[in-house]
Amino acid sequence: MTAVEAPRRTRILALASGGGHWQQLMEMRPAFEGCEVTYATTLAGLPEEFGASPAVIVPDFSRSDLWRLPLVGWRIGGALRRCRPDIVISTGALPGVTALALGKLFGARTIWVDSVANAEEMSLSGKMARRVADLWLSQWPHVAEESGAGYFGAVL
């Protein structure tokens, strides 16, 4: 008699910058049920505050300090090497785009959910994420229609 192995759970790296991006990611947690999730954010203490574990902290950066990209990439790459995700999902911002781009190199499927705060147009990070996201979403139907993104409702 041979032992039957349990199917491997889907592994997810869920990354968002602090603030509203993180809160929206936390609202999505029920969708991750049954998956092995590693969370990543830019503000120390947030994962503990939301009970999101395991978690890693990655440096934040924006287009005004792109010089931080190598450090951010190194830290996100380390998280990707450790968790080997099947899926990388982000609600923003630029560290999330970095995670999606690096996640593609690791063979992960990638999902971008643009912040609900971007009610008039897709965010700059969202526009960048389009190039590396397998599923590219807006939380506003008119923004989705104008940008070509998908729309499946709002997180909030």
Foldseek 3Di string as FASTA:
>chain_A
DDDDDDDAAAEEEEEEEDDQQVVLSLLCVVVCPRHHYEYEYADPPVCVVSVNPDYDHAHDDDPVPCVCVVRRLVRLLVVCVVRVGQEYEGQDDQSSLSNLVVNVVSVHAYEYEHGQVPAPEGDPRLVSSVVRHPARYYQYPVRCVVVVHDYDHHSD
